[in-house]
All heavy atoms as atom14 arrays in JSON, in Angstrom:
{
  "sequence": "SALAETNRPPFDLPEAESELVAGYQVEYSSSPYLMFMIGEYVSIVLM",
  "atom14_mask": [
    [1, 1, 1, 1, 1, 1, 0, 0, 0, 0, 0, 0, 0, 0],
    [1, 1, 1, 1, 1, 0, 0, 0, 0, 0, 0, 0, 0, 0],
    [1, 1, 1, 1, 1, 1, 1, 1, 0, 0, 0, 0, 0, 0],
    [1, 1, 1, 1, 1, 0, 0, 0, 0, 0, 0, 0, 0, 0],
    [1, 1, 1, 1, 1, 1, 1, 1, 1, 0, 0, 0, 0, 0],
    [1, 1, 1, 1, 1, 1, 1, 0, 0, 0, 0, 0, 0, 0],
    [1, 1, 1, 1, 1, 1, 1, 1, 0, 0, 0, 0, 0, 0],
    [1, 1, 1, 1, 1, 1, 1, 1, 1, 1, 1, 0, 0, 0],
    [1, 1, 1, 1, 1, 1, 1, 0, 0, 0, 0, 0, 0, 0],
    [1, 1, 1, 1, 1, 1, 1, 0, 0, 0, 0, 0, 0, 0],
    [1, 1, 1, 1, 1, 1, 1, 1, 1, 1, 1, 0, 0, 0],
    [1, 1, 1, 1, 1, 1, 1, 1, 0, 0, 0, 0, 0, 0],
    [1, 1, 1, 1, 1, 1, 1, 1, 0, 0, 0, 0, 0, 0],
    [1, 1, 1, 1, 1, 1, 1, 0, 0, 0, 0, 0, 0, 0],
    [1, 1, 1, 1, 1, 1, 1, 1, 1, 0, 0, 0, 0, 0],
    [1, 1, 1, 1, 1, 0, 0, 0, 0, 0, 0, 0, 0, 0],
    [1, 1, 1, 1, 1, 1, 1, 1, 1, 0, 0, 0, 0, 0],
    [1, 1, 1, 1, 1, 1, 0, 0, 0, 0, 0, 0, 0, 0],
    [1, 1, 1, 1, 1, 1, 1, 1, 1, 0, 0, 0, 0, 0],
    [1, 1, 1, 1, 1, 1, 1, 1, 0, 0, 0, 0, 0, 0],
    [1, 1, 1, 1, 1, 1, 1, 0, 0, 0, 0, 0, 0, 0],
    [1, 1, 1, 1, 1, 0, 0, 0, 0, 0, 0, 0, 0, 0],
    [1, 1, 1, 1, 0, 0, 0, 0, 0, 0, 0, 0, 0, 0],
    [1, 1, 1, 1, 1, 1, 1, 1, 1, 1, 1, 1, 0, 0],
    [1, 1, 1, 1, 1, 1, 1, 1, 1, 0, 0, 0, 0, 0],
    [1, 1, 1, 1, 1, 1, 1, 0, 0, 0, 0, 0, 0, 0],
    [1, 1, 1, 1, 1, 1, 1, 1, 1, 0, 0, 0, 0, 0],
    [1, 1, 1, 1, 1, 1, 1, 1, 1, 1, 1, 1, 0, 0],
    [1, 1, 1, 1, 1, 1, 0, 0, 0, 0, 0, 0, 0, 0],
    [1, 1, 1, 1, 1, 1, 0, 0, 0, 0, 0, 0, 0, 0],
    [1, 1, 1, 1, 1, 1, 0, 0, 0, 0, 0, 0, 0, 0],
    [1, 1, 1, 1, 1, 1, 1, 0, 0, 0, 0, 0, 0, 0],
    [1, 1, 1, 1, 1, 1, 1, 1, 1, 1, 1, 1, 0, 0],
    [1, 1, 1, 1, 1, 1, 1, 1, 0, 0, 0, 0, 0, 0],
    [1, 1, 1, 1, 1, 1, 1, 1, 0, 0, 0, 0, 0, 0],
    [1, 1, 1, 1, 1, 1, 1, 1, 1, 1, 1, 0, 0, 0],
    [1, 1, 1, 1, 1, 1, 1, 1, 0, 0, 0, 0, 0, 0],
    [1, 1, 1, 1, 1, 1, 1, 1, 0, 0, 0, 0, 0, 0],
    [1, 1, 1, 1, 0, 0, 0, 0, 0, 0, 0, 0, 0, 0],
    [1, 1, 1, 1, 1, 1, 1, 1, 1, 0, 0, 0, 0, 0],
    [1, 1, 1, 1, 1, 1, 1, 1, 1, 1, 1, 1, 0, 0],
    [1, 1, 1, 1, 1, 1, 1, 0, 0, 0, 0, 0, 0, 0],
    [1, 1, 1, 1, 1, 1, 0, 0, 0, 0, 0, 0, 0, 0],
    [1, 1, 1, 1, 1, 1, 1, 1, 0, 0, 0, 0, 0, 0],
    [1, 1, 1, 1, 1, 1, 1, 0, 0, 0, 0, 0, 0, 0],
    [1, 1, 1, 1, 1, 1, 1, 1, 0, 0, 0, 0, 0, 0],
    [1, 1, 1, 1, 1, 1, 1, 1, 0, 0, 0, 0, 0, 0]
  ],
  "atom14_positions": [
    [[69.19, 119.25, 172.23], [69.89, 119.6, 173.48], [70.84, 118.49, 173.9], [71.91, 118.76, 174.47], [68.88, 119.86, 174.59], [68.05, 120.95, 174.28], [0.0, 0.0, 0.0], [0.0, 0.0, 0.0], [0.0, 0.0, 0.0], [0.0, 0.0, 0.0], [0.0, 0.0, 0.0], [0.0, 0.0, 0.0], [0.0, 0.0, 0.0], [0.0, 0.0, 0.0]],
    [[70.48, 117.24, 173.63], [71.36, 116.11, 173.95], [72.65, 116.17, 173.14], [73.73, 115.85, 173.64], [70.64, 114.78, 173.71], [0.0, 0.0, 0.0], [0.0, 0.0, 0.0], [0.0, 0.0, 0.0], [0.0, 0.0, 0.0], [0.0, 0.0, 0.0], [0.0, 0.0, 0.0], [0.0, 0.0, 0.0], [0.0, 0.0, 0.0], [0.0, 0.0, 0.0]],
    [[72.53, 116.61, 171.88], [73.73, 116.8, 171.05], [74.66, 117.83, 171.69], [75.88, 117.64, 171.76], [73.35, 117.27, 169.65], [72.65, 116.27, 168.72], [72.13, 116.98, 167.49], [73.62, 115.16, 168.3], [0.0, 0.0, 0.0], [0.0, 0.0, 0.0], [0.0, 0.0, 0.0], [0.0, 0.0, 0.0], [0.0, 0.0, 0.0], [0.0, 0.0, 0.0]],
    [[74.07, 118.95, 172.15], [74.88, 120.01, 172.77], [75.44, 119.56, 174.12], [76.59, 119.86, 174.46], [74.03, 121.27, 172.93], [0.0, 0.0, 0.0], [0.0, 0.0, 0.0], [0.0, 0.0, 0.0], [0.0, 0.0, 0.0], [0.0, 0.0, 0.0], [0.0, 0.0, 0.0], [0.0, 0.0, 0.0], [0.0, 0.0, 0.0], [0.0, 0.0, 0.0]],
    [[74.63, 118.84, 174.88], [75.03, 118.4, 176.22], [76.23, 117.45, 176.15], [77.09, 117.45, 177.03], [73.84, 117.7, 176.89], [74.12, 117.08, 178.23], [74.21, 118.1, 179.36], [73.9, 119.29, 179.13], [74.63, 117.71, 180.45], [0.0, 0.0, 0.0], [0.0, 0.0, 0.0], [0.0, 0.0, 0.0], [0.0, 0.0, 0.0], [0.0, 0.0, 0.0]],
    [[76.3, 116.63, 175.1], [77.38, 115.64, 174.97], [78.5, 116.13, 174.04], [79.36, 115.34, 173.65], [76.82, 114.31, 174.44], [76.07, 114.55, 173.24], [75.92, 113.66, 175.46], [0.0, 0.0, 0.0], [0.0, 0.0, 0.0], [0.0, 0.0, 0.0], [0.0, 0.0, 0.0], [0.0, 0.0, 0.0], [0.0, 0.0, 0.0], [0.0, 0.0, 0.0]],
    [[78.47, 117.42, 173.68], [79.5, 118.03, 172.82], [79.64, 117.32, 171.48], [80.73, 117.14, 170.95], [80.87, 118.03, 173.53], [80.86, 118.87, 174.78], [80.17, 119.9, 174.84], [81.59, 118.45, 175.8], [0.0, 0.0, 0.0], [0.0, 0.0, 0.0], [0.0, 0.0, 0.0], [0.0, 0.0, 0.0], [0.0, 0.0, 0.0], [0.0, 0.0, 0.0]],
    [[78.51, 116.91, 170.93], [78.53, 116.25, 169.61], [78.34, 117.29, 168.51], [77.69, 118.31, 168.73], [77.38, 115.23, 169.53], [77.64, 113.98, 170.3], [78.65, 113.08, 169.64], [78.09, 112.37, 168.49], [78.74, 111.46, 167.79], [79.98, 111.16, 168.09], [78.17, 110.85, 166.77], [0.0, 0.0, 0.0], [0.0, 0.0, 0.0], [0.0, 0.0, 0.0]],
    [[78.87, 117.01, 167.3], [78.57, 117.9, 166.18], [77.06, 118.0, 165.99], [76.36, 117.0, 166.2], [79.21, 117.19, 164.98], [80.27, 116.32, 165.6], [79.74, 115.91, 166.94], [0.0, 0.0, 0.0], [0.0, 0.0, 0.0], [0.0, 0.0, 0.0], [0.0, 0.0, 0.0], [0.0, 0.0, 0.0], [0.0, 0.0, 0.0], [0.0, 0.0, 0.0]],
    [[76.51, 119.16, 165.58], [77.21, 120.39, 165.18], [77.56, 121.3, 166.36], [77.83, 122.47, 166.15], [76.18, 121.05, 164.27], [74.87, 120.67, 164.88], [75.03, 119.27, 165.42], [0.0, 0.0, 0.0], [0.0, 0.0, 0.0], [0.0, 0.0, 0.0], [0.0, 0.0, 0.0], [0.0, 0.0, 0.0], [0.0, 0.0, 0.0], [0.0, 0.0, 0.0]],
    [[77.52, 120.78, 167.59], [77.79, 121.62, 168.76], [79.11, 121.24, 169.42], [79.25, 121.34, 170.64], [76.65, 121.47, 169.78], [75.29, 121.76, 169.21], [74.34, 120.77, 169.12], [74.97, 123.02, 168.76], [73.08, 121.03, 168.58], [73.72, 123.3, 168.22], [72.78, 122.3, 168.14], [0.0, 0.0, 0.0], [0.0, 0.0, 0.0], [0.0, 0.0, 0.0]],
    [[80.09, 120.78, 168.64], [81.37, 120.35, 169.22], [82.36, 121.52, 169.33], [83.54, 121.38, 169.03], [81.96, 119.19, 168.41], [82.14, 119.53, 166.94], [81.47, 120.47, 166.47], [82.96, 118.87, 166.27], [0.0, 0.0, 0.0], [0.0, 0.0, 0.0], [0.0, 0.0, 0.0], [0.0, 0.0, 0.0], [0.0, 0.0, 0.0], [0.0, 0.0, 0.0]],
    [[81.84, 122.66, 169.75], [82.68, 123.87, 169.87], [83.85, 123.69, 170.84], [84.93, 124.23, 170.6], [81.83, 125.06, 170.34], [81.06, 125.89, 169.29], [82.02, 126.48, 168.28], [80.02, 125.08, 168.56], [0.0, 0.0, 0.0], [0.0, 0.0, 0.0], [0.0, 0.0, 0.0], [0.0, 0.0, 0.0], [0.0, 0.0, 0.0], [0.0, 0.0, 0.0]],
    [[83.67, 122.96, 171.97], [84.8, 122.82, 172.9], [86.01, 122.13, 172.27], [87.12, 122.27, 172.74], [84.22, 121.96, 174.03], [82.76, 122.23, 173.99], [82.44, 122.39, 172.54], [0.0, 0.0, 0.0], [0.0, 0.0, 0.0], [0.0, 0.0, 0.0], [0.0, 0.0, 0.0], [0.0, 0.0, 0.0], [0.0, 0.0, 0.0], [0.0, 0.0, 0.0]],
    [[85.8, 121.33, 171.24], [86.92, 120.62, 170.6], [87.0, 120.96, 169.11], [87.3, 120.11, 168.28], [86.79, 119.12, 170.83], [85.35, 118.64, 170.84], [85.18, 117.23, 171.39], [85.53, 116.3, 170.69], [84.66, 117.1, 172.52], [0.0, 0.0, 0.0], [0.0, 0.0, 0.0], [0.0, 0.0, 0.0], [0.0, 0.0, 0.0], [0.0, 0.0, 0.0]],
    [[86.7, 122.21, 168.78], [86.72, 122.65, 167.38], [88.16, 122.71, 166.88], [88.92, 123.58, 167.27], [86.05, 124.01, 167.27], [0.0, 0.0, 0.0], [0.0, 0.0, 0.0], [0.0, 0.0, 0.0], [0.0, 0.0, 0.0], [0.0, 0.0, 0.0], [0.0, 0.0, 0.0], [0.0, 0.0, 0.0], [0.0, 0.0, 0.0], [0.0, 0.0, 0.0]],
    [[88.53, 121.76, 166.01], [89.94, 121.67, 165.6], [90.41, 122.87, 164.78], [91.59, 123.15, 164.7], [90.19, 120.37, 164.82], [89.48, 120.27, 163.47], [88.02, 119.84, 163.59], [87.61, 119.42, 164.68], [87.32, 119.95, 162.58], [0.0, 0.0, 0.0], [0.0, 0.0, 0.0], [0.0, 0.0, 0.0], [0.0, 0.0, 0.0], [0.0, 0.0, 0.0]],
    [[89.46, 123.63, 164.19], [89.86, 124.78, 163.38], [90.36, 125.95, 164.23], [91.05, 126.82, 163.73], [88.68, 125.24, 162.52], [87.57, 125.52, 163.34], [0.0, 0.0, 0.0], [0.0, 0.0, 0.0], [0.0, 0.0, 0.0], [0.0, 0.0, 0.0], [0.0, 0.0, 0.0], [0.0, 0.0, 0.0], [0.0, 0.0, 0.0], [0.0, 0.0, 0.0]],
    [[90.01, 125.96, 165.52], [90.42, 127.08, 166.36], [91.06, 126.65, 167.68], [91.96, 127.31, 168.17], [89.21, 127.99, 166.64], [87.93, 127.2, 166.93], [86.67, 128.06, 166.89], [86.44, 128.7, 167.91], [85.97, 128.06, 165.87], [0.0, 0.0, 0.0], [0.0, 0.0, 0.0], [0.0, 0.0, 0.0], [0.0, 0.0, 0.0], [0.0, 0.0, 0.0]],
    [[90.58, 125.53, 168.26], [91.08, 125.11, 169.57], [91.81, 123.77, 169.52], [91.93, 123.08, 170.53], [89.93, 125.02, 170.58], [89.21, 126.32, 170.93], [88.13, 126.06, 171.95], [90.19, 127.35, 171.45], [0.0, 0.0, 0.0], [0.0, 0.0, 0.0], [0.0, 0.0, 0.0], [0.0, 0.0, 0.0], [0.0, 0.0, 0.0], [0.0, 0.0, 0.0]],
    [[92.29, 123.38, 168.34], [92.98, 122.1, 168.14], [92.03, 120.96, 168.57], [91.15, 120.61, 167.83], [94.32, 122.04, 168.89], [95.15, 120.87, 168.37], [95.09, 123.34, 168.71], [0.0, 0.0, 0.0], [0.0, 0.0, 0.0], [0.0, 0.0, 0.0], [0.0, 0.0, 0.0], [0.0, 0.0, 0.0], [0.0, 0.0, 0.0], [0.0, 0.0, 0.0]],
    [[92.19, 120.42, 169.79], [91.26, 119.38, 170.26], [90.6, 119.78, 171.56], [90.16, 118.94, 172.34], [92.01, 118.06, 170.43], [0.0, 0.0, 0.0], [0.0, 0.0, 0.0], [0.0, 0.0, 0.0], [0.0, 0.0, 0.0], [0.0, 0.0, 0.0], [0.0, 0.0, 0.0], [0.0, 0.0, 0.0], [0.0, 0.0, 0.0], [0.0, 0.0, 0.0]],
    [[90.54, 121.09, 171.83], [89.86, 121.58, 173.03], [90.51, 121.08, 174.31], [91.74, 121.02, 174.41], [0.0, 0.0, 0.0], [0.0, 0.0, 0.0], [0.0, 0.0, 0.0], [0.0, 0.0, 0.0], [0.0, 0.0, 0.0], [0.0, 0.0, 0.0], [0.0, 0.0, 0.0], [0.0, 0.0, 0.0], [0.0, 0.0, 0.0], [0.0, 0.0, 0.0]],
    [[89.69, 120.7, 175.28], [90.21, 120.3, 176.59], [91.02, 119.01, 176.52], [91.67, 118.62, 177.49], [89.07, 120.16, 177.59], [87.99, 119.19, 177.15], [88.08, 117.84, 177.47], [86.88, 119.61, 176.42], [87.11, 116.94, 177.06], [85.9, 118.73, 176.01], [86.02, 117.39, 176.33], [85.06, 116.51, 175.92], [0.0, 0.0, 0.0], [0.0, 0.0, 0.0]],
    [[91.04, 118.31, 175.38], [91.78, 117.05, 175.26], [93.15, 117.25, 174.6], [93.85, 116.26, 174.35], [90.97, 116.05, 174.43], [89.62, 115.71, 175.02], [88.77, 114.85, 174.09], [89.17, 114.58, 172.98], [87.6, 114.46, 174.55], [0.0, 0.0, 0.0], [0.0, 0.0, 0.0], [0.0, 0.0, 0.0], [0.0, 0.0, 0.0], [0.0, 0.0, 0.0]],
    [[93.55, 118.49, 174.34], [94.78, 118.75, 173.58], [95.99, 118.03, 174.17], [96.75, 117.37, 173.45], [95.07, 120.27, 173.51], [96.47, 120.52, 172.98], [94.07, 120.96, 172.61], [0.0, 0.0, 0.0], [0.0, 0.0, 0.0], [0.0, 0.0, 0.0], [0.0, 0.0, 0.0], [0.0, 0.0, 0.0], [0.0, 0.0, 0.0], [0.0, 0.0, 0.0]],
    [[96.19, 118.16, 175.48], [97.41, 117.63, 176.1], [97.29, 116.16, 176.51], [98.21, 115.6, 177.08], [97.77, 118.48, 177.33], [97.95, 119.96, 177.06], [99.19, 120.27, 176.23], [99.98, 119.34, 175.97], [99.37, 121.44, 175.86], [0.0, 0.0, 0.0], [0.0, 0.0, 0.0], [0.0, 0.0, 0.0], [0.0, 0.0, 0.0], [0.0, 0.0, 0.0]],
    [[96.15, 115.54, 176.24], [95.93, 114.16, 176.68], [96.34, 113.16, 175.62], [96.16, 113.39, 174.42], [94.46, 113.95, 177.07], [94.13, 114.51, 178.42], [93.62, 115.8, 178.55], [94.33, 113.76, 179.57], [93.31, 116.33, 179.79], [94.03, 114.27, 180.82], [93.52, 115.56, 180.92], [93.24, 116.07, 182.15], [0.0, 0.0, 0.0], [0.0, 0.0, 0.0]],
    [[96.86, 112.03, 176.07], [97.2, 110.93, 175.16], [97.03, 109.62, 175.92], [96.72, 109.63, 177.11], [98.66, 111.08, 174.7], [99.53, 111.07, 175.82], [0.0, 0.0, 0.0], [0.0, 0.0, 0.0], [0.0, 0.0, 0.0], [0.0, 0.0, 0.0], [0.0, 0.0, 0.0], [0.0, 0.0, 0.0], [0.0, 0.0, 0.0], [0.0, 0.0, 0.0]],
    [[97.18, 108.54, 175.21], [97.15, 107.22, 175.83], [95.86, 106.96, 176.63], [94.78, 107.37, 176.21], [98.39, 107.07, 176.72], [98.46, 105.77, 177.26], [0.0, 0.0, 0.0], [0.0, 0.0, 0.0], [0.0, 0.0, 0.0], [0.0, 0.0, 0.0], [0.0, 0.0, 0.0], [0.0, 0.0, 0.0], [0.0, 0.0, 0.0], [0.0, 0.0, 0.0]],
    [[95.99, 106.31, 177.79], [94.82, 105.89, 178.58], [93.93, 107.04, 179.04], [92.7, 106.91, 178.99], [95.26, 105.07, 179.79], [96.04, 103.98, 179.39], [0.0, 0.0, 0.0], [0.0, 0.0, 0.0], [0.0, 0.0, 0.0], [0.0, 0.0, 0.0], [0.0, 0.0, 0.0], [0.0, 0.0, 0.0], [0.0, 0.0, 0.0], [0.0, 0.0, 0.0]],
    [[94.49, 108.18, 179.52], [93.61, 109.28, 179.92], [92.73, 109.79, 178.77], [91.54, 110.06, 178.97], [94.58, 110.37, 180.39], [95.79, 109.62, 180.83], [95.89, 108.46, 179.89], [0.0, 0.0, 0.0], [0.0, 0.0, 0.0], [0.0, 0.0, 0.0], [0.0, 0.0, 0.0], [0.0, 0.0, 0.0], [0.0, 0.0, 0.0], [0.0, 0.0, 0.0]],
    [[93.3, 109.88, 177.57], [92.5, 110.29, 176.41], [91.42, 109.25, 176.12], [90.28, 109.59, 175.8], [93.4, 110.47, 175.18], [92.63, 110.79, 173.92], [92.14, 112.07, 173.69], [92.34, 109.8, 172.99], [91.4, 112.36, 172.55], [91.6, 110.08, 171.85], [91.14, 111.36, 171.64], [90.39, 111.65, 170.51], [0.0, 0.0, 0.0], [0.0, 0.0, 0.0]],
    [[91.79, 107.97, 176.24], [90.83, 106.89, 176.03], [89.65, 107.02, 176.99], [88.49, 106.83, 176.6], [91.53, 105.55, 176.21], [90.66, 104.29, 176.09], [90.22, 104.09, 174.65], [91.4, 103.07, 176.59], [0.0, 0.0, 0.0], [0.0, 0.0, 0.0], [0.0, 0.0, 0.0], [0.0, 0.0, 0.0], [0.0, 0.0, 0.0], [0.0, 0.0, 0.0]],
    [[89.95, 107.36, 178.26], [88.87, 107.52, 179.25], [87.92, 108.65, 178.87], [86.7, 108.52, 178.99], [89.46, 107.79, 180.64], [90.1, 106.59, 181.28], [90.65, 106.99, 182.94], [91.66, 105.6, 183.31], [0.0, 0.0, 0.0], [0.0, 0.0, 0.0], [0.0, 0.0, 0.0], [0.0, 0.0, 0.0], [0.0, 0.0, 0.0], [0.0, 0.0, 0.0]],
    [[88.48, 109.77, 178.42], [87.64, 110.88, 177.96], [86.73, 110.42, 176.81], [85.54, 110.72, 176.78], [88.5, 112.05, 177.49], [88.75, 113.09, 178.54], [90.03, 113.55, 178.79], [87.7, 113.63, 179.27], [90.27, 114.53, 179.76], [87.92, 114.61, 180.24], [89.21, 115.05, 180.49], [0.0, 0.0, 0.0], [0.0, 0.0, 0.0], [0.0, 0.0, 0.0]],
    [[87.31, 109.68, 175.85], [86.56, 109.27, 174.67], [85.45, 108.28, 175.04], [84.31, 108.41, 174.59], [87.5, 108.64, 173.64], [86.87, 108.46, 172.27], [88.07, 108.0, 171.02], [88.41, 106.31, 171.47], [0.0, 0.0, 0.0], [0.0, 0.0, 0.0], [0.0, 0.0, 0.0], [0.0, 0.0, 0.0], [0.0, 0.0, 0.0], [0.0, 0.0, 0.0]],
    [[85.79, 107.29, 175.89], [84.77, 106.32, 176.31], [83.67, 107.02, 177.12], [82.48, 106.76, 176.93], [85.4, 105.17, 177.14], [86.35, 104.35, 176.28], [84.32, 104.27, 177.72], [87.09, 103.27, 177.03], [0.0, 0.0, 0.0], [0.0, 0.0, 0.0], [0.0, 0.0, 0.0], [0.0, 0.0, 0.0], [0.0, 0.0, 0.0], [0.0, 0.0, 0.0]],
    [[84.08, 107.94, 178.01], [83.1, 108.69, 178.79], [82.13, 109.47, 177.91], [80.93, 109.5, 178.17], [0.0, 0.0, 0.0], [0.0, 0.0, 0.0], [0.0, 0.0, 0.0], [0.0, 0.0, 0.0], [0.0, 0.0, 0.0], [0.0, 0.0, 0.0], [0.0, 0.0, 0.0], [0.0, 0.0, 0.0], [0.0, 0.0, 0.0], [0.0, 0.0, 0.0]],
    [[82.68, 110.06, 176.84], [81.83, 110.81, 175.91], [80.81, 109.9, 175.24], [79.63, 110.22, 175.15], [82.72, 111.49, 174.86], [81.97, 112.37, 173.9], [82.89, 113.09, 172.92], [83.99, 113.51, 173.33], [82.52, 113.21, 171.74], [0.0, 0.0, 0.0], [0.0, 0.0, 0.0], [0.0, 0.0, 0.0], [0.0, 0.0, 0.0], [0.0, 0.0, 0.0]],
    [[81.26, 108.73, 174.78], [80.34, 107.81, 174.1], [79.35, 107.16, 175.06], [78.19, 106.9, 174.68], [81.13, 106.76, 173.31], [81.48, 107.25, 171.92], [82.64, 107.97, 171.7], [80.62, 107.05, 170.85], [82.95, 108.46, 170.44], [80.92, 107.52, 169.59], [82.08, 108.23, 169.39], [82.38, 108.72, 168.14], [0.0, 0.0, 0.0], [0.0, 0.0, 0.0]],
    [[79.77, 106.89, 176.3], [78.83, 106.37, 177.3], [77.72, 107.39, 177.55], [76.54, 107.05, 177.65], [79.56, 106.03, 178.62], [78.57, 105.72, 179.73], [80.48, 104.83, 178.42], [0.0, 0.0, 0.0], [0.0, 0.0, 0.0], [0.0, 0.0, 0.0], [0.0, 0.0, 0.0], [0.0, 0.0, 0.0], [0.0, 0.0, 0.0], [0.0, 0.0, 0.0]],
    [[78.08, 108.69, 177.62], [77.09, 109.75, 177.82], [76.15, 109.86, 176.62], [74.95, 110.09, 176.78], [77.79, 111.1, 178.04], [78.56, 111.07, 179.2], [0.0, 0.0, 0.0], [0.0, 0.0, 0.0], [0.0, 0.0, 0.0], [0.0, 0.0, 0.0], [0.0, 0.0, 0.0], [0.0, 0.0, 0.0], [0.0, 0.0, 0.0], [0.0, 0.0, 0.0]],
    [[76.7, 109.69, 175.41], [75.87, 109.76, 174.2], [74.83, 108.64, 174.21], [73.64, 108.86, 173.96], [76.76, 109.67, 172.94], [77.59, 110.94, 172.79], [75.91, 109.44, 171.69], [78.74, 110.81, 171.83], [0.0, 0.0, 0.0], [0.0, 0.0, 0.0], [0.0, 0.0, 0.0], [0.0, 0.0, 0.0], [0.0, 0.0, 0.0], [0.0, 0.0, 0.0]],
    [[75.28, 107.41, 174.52], [74.35, 106.28, 174.53], [73.33, 106.43, 175.66], [72.17, 106.05, 175.53], [75.12, 104.94, 174.64], [74.16, 103.76, 174.67], [76.08, 104.79, 173.48], [0.0, 0.0, 0.0], [0.0, 0.0, 0.0], [0.0, 0.0, 0.0], [0.0, 0.0, 0.0], [0.0, 0.0, 0.0], [0.0, 0.0, 0.0], [0.0, 0.0, 0.0]],
    [[73.76, 107.04, 176.79], [72.82, 107.33, 177.88], [71.72, 108.27, 177.4], [70.53, 108.07, 177.71], [73.57, 107.94, 179.07], [72.72, 108.33, 180.28], [72.17, 107.09, 180.97], [73.53, 109.16, 181.28], [0.0, 0.0, 0.0], [0.0, 0.0, 0.0], [0.0, 0.0, 0.0], [0.0, 0.0, 0.0], [0.0, 0.0, 0.0], [0.0, 0.0, 0.0]],
    [[72.09, 109.3, 176.65], [71.1, 110.24, 176.11], [70.16, 109.53, 175.12], [68.95, 109.8, 175.11], [71.79, 111.42, 175.42], [72.34, 112.44, 176.39], [71.02, 113.23, 177.34], [71.95, 114.27, 178.44], [0.0, 0.0, 0.0], [0.0, 0.0, 0.0], [0.0, 0.0, 0.0], [0.0, 0.0, 0.0], [0.0, 0.0, 0.0], [0.0, 0.0, 0.0]]
  ]
}
């Protein structure tokens, strides 16, 4: 469930590049994208 909660493979459906490119991060670049990525990894380590 922690894998699914943090959108990690094999449950990374929100950012499935085969169908949704990069999901909710498609239009993000630079610092905002970095914040999303760090937030994701902080949540993973929290789990």
